[in-house]
Protein backbone atom coordinates (compact mmCIF):
# COMPACT_ATOMS: atom_id res chain seq x y z
CA UNK A 1 -14.36 7.79 25.01
CA UNK A 2 -10.67 6.62 25.62
CA UNK A 3 -7.48 9.73 25.47
CA UNK A 4 -6.49 9.79 22.34
CA UNK A 5 -2.77 7.72 21.76
CA UNK A 6 -0.03 9.69 19.72
CA UNK A 7 3.37 8.57 18.21
CA UNK A 8 6.26 9.11 20.99
CA UNK A 9 9.20 9.55 18.74
CA UNK A 10 10.28 10.71 15.30
CA UNK A 11 11.96 7.53 13.95
CA UNK A 12 8.39 5.69 15.35
CA UNK A 13 6.54 8.20 13.37
CA UNK A 14 8.58 7.92 9.89
CA UNK A 15 8.74 3.60 10.11
CA UNK A 16 5.20 3.87 10.65
CA UNK A 17 4.22 5.83 7.77
CA UNK A 18 6.77 3.75 5.67
CA UNK A 19 5.11 0.48 7.05
CA UNK A 20 1.79 1.82 5.92
CA UNK A 21 3.42 2.73 2.07
CA UNK A 22 5.73 -0.16 2.06
CA UNK A 23 3.32 -2.94 1.48
CA UNK A 24 1.73 -5.96 -1.08
CA UNK A 25 1.79 -3.22 -3.45
CA UNK A 26 5.60 -3.00 -3.52
CA UNK A 27 6.37 -6.85 -3.71
CA UNK A 28 3.22 -8.08 -5.40
CA UNK A 29 1.87 -5.55 -7.55
CA UNK A 30 4.60 -3.33 -8.52
CA UNK A 31 6.94 -6.29 -10.22
CA UNK A 32 3.78 -7.53 -12.08
CA UNK A 33 3.08 -4.20 -13.45
CA UNK A 34 6.47 -3.16 -14.78
CA UNK A 35 6.15 -6.42 -16.35
CA UNK A 36 3.32 -5.69 -18.32
CA UNK A 37 3.92 -1.62 -18.93
CA UNK A 38 7.68 -1.83 -20.32
CA UNK A 39 9.73 -2.22 -17.52
CA UNK A 40 11.95 0.74 -17.03
CA UNK A 41 9.63 3.10 -19.23
CA UNK A 42 6.63 2.52 -16.17
CA UNK A 43 9.61 3.04 -13.62
CA UNK A 44 10.03 6.80 -15.02
CA UNK A 45 6.44 7.21 -15.26
CA UNK A 46 5.95 5.99 -11.75
CA UNK A 47 8.62 8.06 -10.41
CA UNK A 48 7.16 11.36 -11.99
CA UNK A 49 3.98 10.70 -10.40
CA UNK A 50 5.26 9.81 -6.89
CA UNK A 51 7.26 12.92 -6.48
CA UNK A 52 5.29 15.70 -8.58
CA UNK A 53 1.71 15.05 -8.22
CA UNK A 54 1.31 12.06 -5.35
CA UNK A 55 3.68 13.82 -2.64
CA UNK A 56 1.25 17.02 -2.73
CA UNK A 57 -1.17 14.64 -2.02
CA UNK A 58 0.43 13.21 0.81
CA UNK A 59 1.06 16.60 2.13
CA UNK A 60 -2.53 17.80 2.37
CA UNK A 61 -3.29 14.66 3.64
CA UNK A 62 -1.19 15.14 6.35
CA UNK A 63 -2.23 18.49 6.72
CA UNK A 64 -5.83 17.55 7.23
CA UNK A 65 -4.83 14.51 9.52
CA UNK A 66 -2.55 16.83 11.79
CA UNK A 67 -4.54 20.20 12.33
CA UNK A 68 -7.77 18.29 13.13
CA UNK A 69 -6.24 15.88 15.41
CA UNK A 70 -9.18 13.58 14.37
CA UNK A 71 -9.82 10.36 12.61
CA UNK A 72 -10.19 10.44 8.65
CA UNK A 73 -13.91 11.33 9.35
CA UNK A 74 -13.74 13.83 11.79
CA UNK A 75 -11.19 15.38 9.81
CA UNK A 76 -13.20 16.93 7.22
CA UNK A 77 -16.20 17.78 9.78
CA UNK A 78 -13.77 19.48 11.94
CA UNK A 79 -12.41 21.46 9.30
CA UNK A 80 -15.23 22.43 7.78
CA UNK A 81 -18.28 22.04 9.56
CA UNK A 82 -21.45 22.66 8.00
CA UNK A 83 -20.55 21.51 4.82
CA UNK A 84 -20.75 18.17 2.26
CA UNK A 85 -17.03 17.39 2.87
CA UNK A 86 -18.47 14.63 5.22
CA UNK A 87 -18.85 12.55 2.33
CA UNK A 88 -15.48 12.42 1.57
CA UNK A 89 -14.65 11.44 5.10
CA UNK A 90 -17.34 8.68 4.52
CA UNK A 91 -15.26 7.55 1.70
CA UNK A 92 -11.66 8.37 3.80
CA UNK A 93 -13.43 5.05 5.69
CA UNK A 94 -15.02 3.35 3.30
CA UNK A 95 -12.27 2.89 1.05
CA UNK A 96 -9.40 1.09 3.36
CA UNK A 97 -12.06 -1.33 4.97
CA UNK A 98 -12.42 -2.38 1.00
CA UNK A 99 -9.03 -2.61 0.53
CA UNK A 100 -8.27 -4.42 3.82
CA UNK A 101 -10.55 -7.17 2.47
CA UNK A 102 -9.28 -8.04 -0.28
CA UNK A 103 -5.78 -7.55 0.59
CA UNK A 104 -5.78 -9.55 3.88
CA UNK A 105 -6.73 -12.50 1.59
CA UNK A 106 -3.38 -11.91 -0.02
CA UNK A 107 -1.64 -11.36 3.24
CA UNK A 108 -3.20 -15.47 3.89
CA UNK A 109 -1.55 -16.39 0.79
CA UNK A 110 1.88 -15.31 2.03
CA UNK A 111 1.32 -17.26 5.51
CA UNK A 112 0.75 -20.75 3.30
CA UNK A 113 3.62 -20.38 0.76
CA UNK A 114 5.98 -19.43 3.80
CA UNK A 115 4.44 -22.82 4.92
CA UNK A 116 4.71 -24.77 1.79
CA UNK A 117 8.24 -23.08 1.38
CA UNK A 118 9.47 -24.53 4.82
CA UNK A 119 7.82 -28.06 3.60
CA UNK A 120 9.45 -27.79 0.21
CA UNK A 121 6.43 -27.81 -1.56
CA UNK A 122 7.71 -26.16 -4.29
CA UNK A 123 9.50 -29.13 -6.54
CA UNK A 124 6.70 -29.72 -8.78
CA UNK A 125 8.03 -27.81 -12.19
CA UNK A 126 6.36 -24.09 -13.41
CA UNK A 127 2.98 -26.22 -14.49
CA UNK A 128 2.45 -28.03 -11.41
CA UNK A 129 3.24 -24.49 -9.34
CA UNK A 130 0.50 -22.59 -11.50
CA UNK A 131 -1.98 -25.60 -10.70
CA UNK A 132 -0.79 -25.34 -7.11
CA UNK A 133 -1.32 -21.30 -7.36
CA UNK A 134 -4.92 -22.19 -8.83
CA UNK A 135 -5.99 -24.66 -6.33
CA UNK A 136 -4.67 -23.07 -3.38
CA UNK A 137 -6.59 -19.71 -3.60
CA UNK A 138 -9.43 -21.18 -5.11
CA UNK A 139 -9.85 -23.63 -2.25
CA UNK A 140 -12.92 -22.68 0.02
CA UNK A 141 -11.51 -23.48 3.10
CA UNK A 142 -7.14 -23.64 3.64
CA UNK A 143 -6.86 -20.08 1.96
CA UNK A 144 -9.85 -18.64 4.30
CA UNK A 145 -8.22 -19.82 7.42
CA UNK A 146 -4.58 -17.88 7.00
CA UNK A 147 -6.74 -15.23 6.06
CA UNK A 148 -8.54 -14.87 9.25
CA UNK A 149 -4.78 -15.70 10.83
CA UNK A 150 -3.19 -12.92 8.83
CA UNK A 151 -6.12 -10.55 9.85
CA UNK A 152 -6.12 -11.58 13.72
CA UNK A 153 -2.30 -11.00 13.83
CA UNK A 154 -2.73 -7.59 12.20
CA UNK A 155 -6.10 -6.28 14.64
CA UNK A 156 -3.73 -7.78 17.80
CA UNK A 157 -1.37 -5.03 16.96
CA UNK A 158 -3.86 -2.37 16.47
CA UNK A 159 -5.63 -3.61 19.67
CA UNK A 160 -1.80 -2.55 21.53
CA UNK A 161 -2.20 1.17 20.71
CA UNK A 162 -0.55 3.69 18.37
CA UNK A 163 2.55 3.96 20.24
CA UNK A 164 2.38 0.28 22.25
CA UNK A 165 1.54 -1.16 19.27
CA UNK A 166 1.67 -0.04 15.82
CA UNK A 167 5.04 1.77 16.83
CA UNK A 168 6.60 -0.43 18.48
CA UNK A 169 5.79 -3.65 16.38
CA UNK A 170 6.85 -1.05 13.50
CA UNK A 171 10.24 -0.09 14.67
CA UNK A 172 11.45 -4.15 14.83
CA UNK A 173 9.62 -5.02 11.65
CA UNK A 174 10.75 -2.61 8.95
CA UNK A 175 14.79 -2.55 9.18
CA UNK A 176 13.91 -6.47 8.54
CA UNK A 177 12.53 -6.15 5.93
CA UNK A 178 14.80 -4.06 4.29
CA UNK A 179 17.69 -6.20 5.20
CA UNK A 180 15.77 -9.32 4.03
CA UNK A 181 14.93 -7.59 0.38
CA UNK A 182 18.74 -6.49 0.14
CA UNK A 183 19.70 -10.54 0.83
CA UNK A 184 17.58 -11.75 -2.11
CA UNK A 185 18.44 -9.19 -4.20
CA UNK A 186 22.05 -10.00 -3.74
CA UNK A 187 21.00 -13.34 -4.66
CA UNK A 188 19.24 -12.74 -8.00
CA UNK A 189 21.14 -10.61 -9.07
CA UNK A 190 24.31 -13.19 -8.82
CA UNK A 191 21.87 -15.60 -10.75
CA UNK A 192 23.52 -16.49 -14.29
CA UNK A 193 21.66 -14.71 -17.25
CA UNK A 194 20.44 -11.70 -14.47
CA UNK A 195 21.93 -9.13 -16.64
CA UNK A 196 18.34 -9.48 -19.12
CA UNK A 197 16.50 -8.77 -16.12
CA UNK A 198 18.61 -5.43 -14.79
CA UNK A 199 18.72 -4.21 -18.30
CA UNK A 200 14.74 -4.64 -18.28
CA UNK A 201 14.50 -2.51 -15.08
CA UNK A 202 16.57 0.10 -16.10
CA UNK A 203 16.28 0.18 -20.17
CA UNK A 204 12.83 2.19 -20.75
CA UNK A 205 10.45 0.46 -23.81
CA UNK A 206 8.40 3.18 -24.44
CA UNK A 207 6.41 1.21 -27.39
CA UNK A 208 4.61 -0.65 -24.41
CA UNK A 209 3.30 3.03 -22.89
CA UNK A 210 -0.47 3.31 -23.44
CA UNK A 211 -3.10 5.03 -21.47
CA UNK A 212 -3.78 2.71 -19.24
CA UNK A 213 -0.05 2.52 -18.14
CA UNK A 214 -0.61 6.48 -16.89
CA UNK A 215 -3.64 4.64 -14.87
CA UNK A 216 -1.71 1.85 -13.67
CA UNK A 217 1.47 3.81 -12.71
CA UNK A 218 -1.02 6.65 -11.07
CA UNK A 219 -2.99 3.54 -9.34
CA UNK A 220 0.42 1.70 -8.37
CA UNK A 221 1.33 5.40 -6.79
CA UNK A 222 -1.88 6.21 -4.58
CA UNK A 223 -2.07 2.24 -3.51
CA UNK A 224 1.89 2.26 -2.54
CA UNK A 225 2.20 5.43 -0.74
CA UNK A 226 -1.48 4.63 1.01
CA UNK A 227 -3.20 7.87 -0.85
CA UNK A 228 -6.82 8.22 -0.40
CA UNK A 229 -7.62 5.94 1.73
CA UNK A 230 -7.46 7.99 5.02
CA UNK A 231 -4.15 6.02 6.72
CA UNK A 232 -2.00 9.09 6.12
CA UNK A 233 -4.42 11.23 7.76
CA UNK A 234 -5.27 9.40 10.57
CA UNK A 235 -1.66 8.38 11.51
CA UNK A 236 -1.39 12.46 11.17
CA UNK A 237 -3.89 12.85 13.54
CA UNK A 238 -1.02 11.00 15.91
CA UNK A 239 1.96 13.07 14.69
CA UNK A 240 3.49 16.37 17.37
CA UNK A 241 3.05 19.66 15.80
CA UNK A 242 6.72 19.51 15.82
CA UNK A 243 7.46 17.51 13.24
CA UNK A 244 8.10 18.52 9.52
CA UNK A 245 5.30 17.24 7.38
CA UNK A 246 7.39 18.01 4.44
CA UNK A 247 10.55 15.74 5.98
CA UNK A 248 8.28 12.69 6.72
CA UNK A 249 6.55 12.74 3.95
CA UNK A 250 9.34 12.93 1.63
CA UNK A 251 10.90 10.49 3.24
CA UNK A 252 8.43 7.91 3.43
CA UNK A 253 8.02 8.34 -0.62
CA UNK A 254 11.84 7.80 -0.63
CA UNK A 255 11.53 5.40 1.32
CA UNK A 256 8.34 3.29 -0.37
CA UNK A 257 9.77 4.34 -3.87
CA UNK A 258 13.90 2.59 -3.04
CA UNK A 259 11.60 -0.44 -1.58
CA UNK A 260 9.94 -1.09 -4.68
CA UNK A 261 12.94 -0.55 -6.99
CA UNK A 262 14.92 -3.46 -4.30
CA UNK A 263 11.94 -5.58 -4.87
CA UNK A 264 11.86 -5.20 -8.64
CA UNK A 265 15.57 -6.02 -8.55
CA UNK A 266 15.20 -8.95 -6.05
CA UNK A 267 12.36 -10.30 -8.94
CA UNK A 268 13.30 -9.44 -12.29
CA UNK A 269 16.74 -10.88 -12.93
CA UNK A 270 15.50 -14.00 -11.24
CA UNK A 271 12.64 -14.03 -13.71
CA UNK A 272 14.79 -13.55 -16.81
CA UNK A 273 17.44 -15.80 -15.27
CA UNK A 274 15.45 -18.60 -15.94
CA UNK A 275 13.92 -17.34 -19.32
CA UNK A 276 10.51 -16.93 -17.75
CA UNK A 277 8.19 -13.74 -19.33
CA UNK A 278 7.70 -10.56 -17.04
CA UNK A 279 4.34 -10.64 -17.55
CA UNK A 280 2.69 -12.97 -15.85
CA UNK A 281 0.37 -11.28 -14.03
CA UNK A 282 -0.30 -11.79 -10.29
CA UNK A 283 1.05 -15.03 -10.23
CA UNK A 284 4.50 -13.84 -11.20
CA UNK A 285 5.20 -13.88 -7.29
CA UNK A 286 3.42 -16.84 -6.28
CA UNK A 287 4.25 -19.46 -9.37
CA UNK A 288 7.33 -18.08 -10.81
CA UNK A 289 9.32 -17.25 -7.89
CA UNK A 290 8.39 -20.37 -6.34
CA UNK A 291 10.02 -22.25 -9.53
CA UNK A 292 12.67 -20.44 -9.47
CA UNK A 293 13.50 -21.12 -5.53
CA UNK A 294 13.06 -24.84 -6.67
CA UNK A 295 15.70 -24.86 -8.83
CA UNK A 296 18.61 -23.13 -7.06
CA UNK A 297 20.81 -24.17 -3.79
CA UNK A 298 19.04 -23.63 -0.80
CA UNK A 299 16.22 -22.56 -2.54
CA UNK A 300 13.86 -23.40 0.20
CA UNK A 301 15.39 -21.20 2.93
CA UNK A 302 15.42 -18.36 0.05
CA UNK A 303 12.05 -18.85 -0.62
CA UNK A 304 10.91 -19.04 3.55
CA UNK A 305 12.39 -15.30 3.50
CA UNK A 306 11.00 -14.03 0.53
CA UNK A 307 7.83 -15.40 1.63
CA UNK A 308 8.20 -13.79 5.06
CA UNK A 309 9.19 -10.76 3.73
CA UNK A 310 5.74 -10.62 1.80
CA UNK A 311 4.02 -11.43 5.37
CA UNK A 312 5.72 -8.52 7.40
CA UNK A 313 5.35 -5.81 3.84
CA UNK A 314 1.44 -7.39 4.26
CA UNK A 315 0.77 -6.74 7.76
CA UNK A 316 2.73 -3.28 8.43
CA UNK A 317 0.34 -1.83 5.42
CA UNK A 318 -2.91 -3.90 6.69
CA UNK A 319 -2.61 -2.36 10.17
CA UNK A 320 -2.58 1.20 9.11
CA UNK A 321 -5.50 0.08 7.22
CA UNK A 322 -7.66 -1.34 9.94
CA UNK A 323 -6.71 1.66 12.02
CA UNK A 324 -8.45 4.30 10.00
CA UNK A 325 -11.20 2.00 11.25
CA UNK A 326 -10.85 1.64 14.35
CA UNK A 327 -10.09 5.14 14.59
CA UNK A 328 -13.32 6.28 13.30
CA UNK A 329 -15.62 3.66 15.37
CA UNK A 330 -13.53 4.83 18.73
CA UNK A 331 -14.30 8.66 17.83
CA UNK A 332 -17.72 9.12 16.32
CA UNK A 333 -19.48 6.08 18.30
CA UNK A 334 -17.59 6.06 21.37
CA UNK A 335 -16.28 2.68 21.33
CA UNK A 336 -13.28 1.45 23.08
CA UNK A 337 -10.60 0.40 20.97
CA UNK A 338 -10.53 -3.38 21.77
CA UNK A 339 -14.30 -3.28 21.01
CA UNK A 340 -13.54 -0.98 17.89
CA UNK A 341 -10.69 -3.49 16.90
CA UNK A 342 -13.27 -6.62 17.78
CA UNK A 343 -15.95 -5.04 14.98
CA UNK A 344 -13.37 -4.18 12.67
CA UNK A 345 -12.11 -7.68 12.39
CA UNK A 346 -15.83 -9.59 12.04
CA UNK A 347 -16.86 -6.97 9.28
CA UNK A 348 -13.53 -7.15 7.39
CA UNK A 349 -13.50 -10.72 8.00
CA UNK A 350 -16.95 -11.11 6.39
CA UNK A 351 -16.05 -9.52 3.18
CA UNK A 352 -12.60 -11.14 2.96
CA UNK A 353 -14.09 -14.67 3.46
CA UNK A 354 -16.18 -13.71 0.47
CA UNK A 355 -13.34 -12.41 -1.74
CA UNK A 356 -11.61 -15.60 -1.42
CA UNK A 357 -14.40 -17.79 -2.06
CA UNK A 358 -14.95 -15.58 -4.99
CA UNK A 359 -11.90 -17.21 -6.24
CA UNK A 360 -13.33 -20.51 -6.09
CA UNK A 361 -16.83 -21.66 -7.71
CA UNK A 362 -19.05 -21.20 -4.62
CA UNK A 363 -19.50 -17.40 -4.74
CA UNK A 364 -19.99 -16.15 -8.15
CA UNK A 365 -20.37 -12.44 -7.29
CA UNK A 366 -19.12 -10.99 -11.02
CA UNK A 367 -19.82 -7.10 -12.11
CA UNK A 368 -18.22 -5.85 -15.04
CA UNK A 369 -16.66 -8.93 -15.79
CA UNK A 370 -14.76 -9.40 -12.43
CA UNK A 371 -15.06 -11.50 -9.44
CA UNK A 372 -15.53 -9.57 -5.80
CA UNK A 373 -11.38 -10.11 -5.32
CA UNK A 374 -10.85 -8.49 -8.88
CA UNK A 375 -13.31 -6.01 -8.62
CA UNK A 376 -12.22 -4.64 -5.38
CA UNK A 377 -8.49 -4.75 -6.13
CA UNK A 378 -9.51 -2.34 -9.53
CA UNK A 379 -11.69 -0.44 -8.16
CA UNK A 380 -9.68 0.67 -5.00
CA UNK A 381 -6.96 1.24 -6.63
CA UNK A 382 -8.00 2.89 -9.82
CA UNK A 383 -10.82 4.88 -8.73
CA UNK A 384 -11.55 5.42 -5.06
CA UNK A 385 -7.95 5.62 -3.71
CA UNK A 386 -7.41 8.43 -6.68
CA UNK A 387 -10.60 10.21 -6.48
CA UNK A 388 -9.95 10.50 -2.34
CA UNK A 389 -6.66 11.92 -2.73
CA UNK A 390 -8.08 14.19 -5.22
CA UNK A 391 -10.57 15.30 -2.90
CA UNK A 392 -8.23 15.65 -0.51
CA UNK A 393 -5.65 17.84 -2.41
CA UNK A 394 -9.02 19.79 -3.44
CA UNK A 395 -9.33 20.38 0.16
CA UNK A 396 -6.32 21.34 1.14
CA UNK A 397 -5.95 23.64 -1.83
CA UNK A 398 -9.12 25.22 -2.06
CA UNK A 399 -11.07 24.89 1.27
CA UNK A 400 -8.02 25.34 3.95
CA UNK A 401 -6.90 28.78 3.68
CA UNK A 402 -3.10 29.51 2.53
CA UNK A 403 -1.99 30.68 6.37
CA UNK A 404 -3.56 27.42 7.33
CA UNK A 405 -1.03 25.24 4.64
CA UNK A 406 1.92 27.07 5.44
CA UNK A 407 1.39 26.97 9.24
CA UNK A 408 1.39 22.69 8.92
CA UNK A 409 4.07 23.00 6.55
CA UNK A 410 6.22 25.05 8.73
CA UNK A 411 5.02 23.34 11.90
CA UNK A 412 3.95 26.57 13.33
CA UNK A 413 6.94 28.19 12.39
CA UNK A 414 9.72 25.91 13.73
CA UNK A 415 10.51 24.25 10.78
CA UNK A 416 12.67 26.32 8.61
CA UNK A 417 11.12 26.46 4.89
CA UNK A 418 11.91 29.50 2.12
CA UNK A 419 8.67 31.22 0.96
CA UNK A 420 9.52 30.21 -2.63
CA UNK A 421 9.48 26.41 -1.48
CA UNK A 422 6.32 27.37 0.65
CA UNK A 423 4.77 29.13 -2.53
CA UNK A 424 5.31 25.95 -5.09
CA UNK A 425 4.06 23.55 -2.41
CA UNK A 426 1.09 25.29 -2.86
CA UNK A 427 0.80 25.71 -6.31
CA UNK A 428 0.99 22.13 -6.74
CA UNK A 429 -1.40 21.39 -4.58
CA UNK A 430 -3.89 23.96 -5.64
CA UNK A 431 -3.27 23.28 -9.32
CA UNK A 432 -0.90 20.90 -10.87
CA UNK A 433 -2.16 17.43 -8.68
CA UNK A 434 -5.73 18.16 -9.03
CA UNK A 435 -5.28 18.93 -13.08
CA UNK A 436 -3.12 15.97 -13.50
CA UNK A 437 -5.20 13.20 -11.28
CA UNK A 438 -8.24 14.78 -13.05
CA UNK A 439 -6.58 14.32 -16.59
CA UNK A 440 -5.24 10.92 -16.13
CA UNK A 441 -8.35 9.70 -14.74
CA UNK A 442 -10.48 10.73 -17.49
CA UNK A 443 -8.19 9.70 -20.56
CA UNK A 444 -7.84 6.44 -19.36
CA UNK A 445 -11.59 6.40 -18.37
CA UNK A 446 -12.82 7.89 -21.97
């Protein structure tokens, strides 16, 4: 088996973690969830979940990964040998495999629409763009080709390794991502009538808050922060002991939340400026925004930039998801990195092809009224990831010993952390996060 690769710099770790967190969840899911759940009211609930419930879960997954120094499955096996916790490890590998399968389909759409923007294909009115989107995703050939290109590019980064692939490319892609989203946000807020969009973002409407809103916010927080799907555990296993778990996790959550809010500022003012309903669902990004781009000067250029932003956000998350499977295959079955990447490409690609075809009429796989694509999207963000995160925080709080948690939080005593802070974090890990996740999930399902 190959020697384990590791991150070489703190900024490399932070940008890789931020790249895992910042993805389509911020630019694709977050805006339309905002639109259907009361705007600012959803943001308030979401922020509470991120920093009170999800951050302790991130601490837990970071602790599990770094303390074990192993892949998401092996971590539980090493820290709790001769126990049933290996089942959770299997879930931690299965979940990202399913997520990246439908995620790669959307990643392919970003490349497709980048090409369409460059070819000025958006000058056809909102109804025509709706038809274009429907025709695009239901096509049996075009979206599969773009999906395979996206998946291949993601796998090439992973194949280069942790330091020379993931760390190297996220150092380039993440700063570029923030610069481009700021450019789009500035253009959006300068549109006539953009004030209504800003009001929607920052004036809460709690009348639209339902039990589903809480589940949506929790699912979005898990999806956006990459919790419950093995990525934090896997990445943490490559992080040096001297690095601060609390610092890196908090900075990742702040970067992710900042980007999500920037995405809202980039999208919602433009939506309101053109009198479009914000509750457009997933089509908000692929139907509404192309229409807006077609109505403003140099809109095709802005369209290319926007869909390139989507692509970069998608690929930085995809490589973290693929790395979970690659690390598992390497360490549990002795695959070389290249062989593990090849197996991952064909395995994920097969499921992704079925997801893409399920959007049309060729593959009619439906369960609970959802096609395969929608089923994997809903199940992963609302069930598998919350359950995986719940298991991780229970494991950290009740299986690992308190001195082990303290040792990781303080990086073996090298990071100064007050005893009171450690006690608060441990209380959140042991009681608050698991109880809150269970209550929200049961309240939404029952």
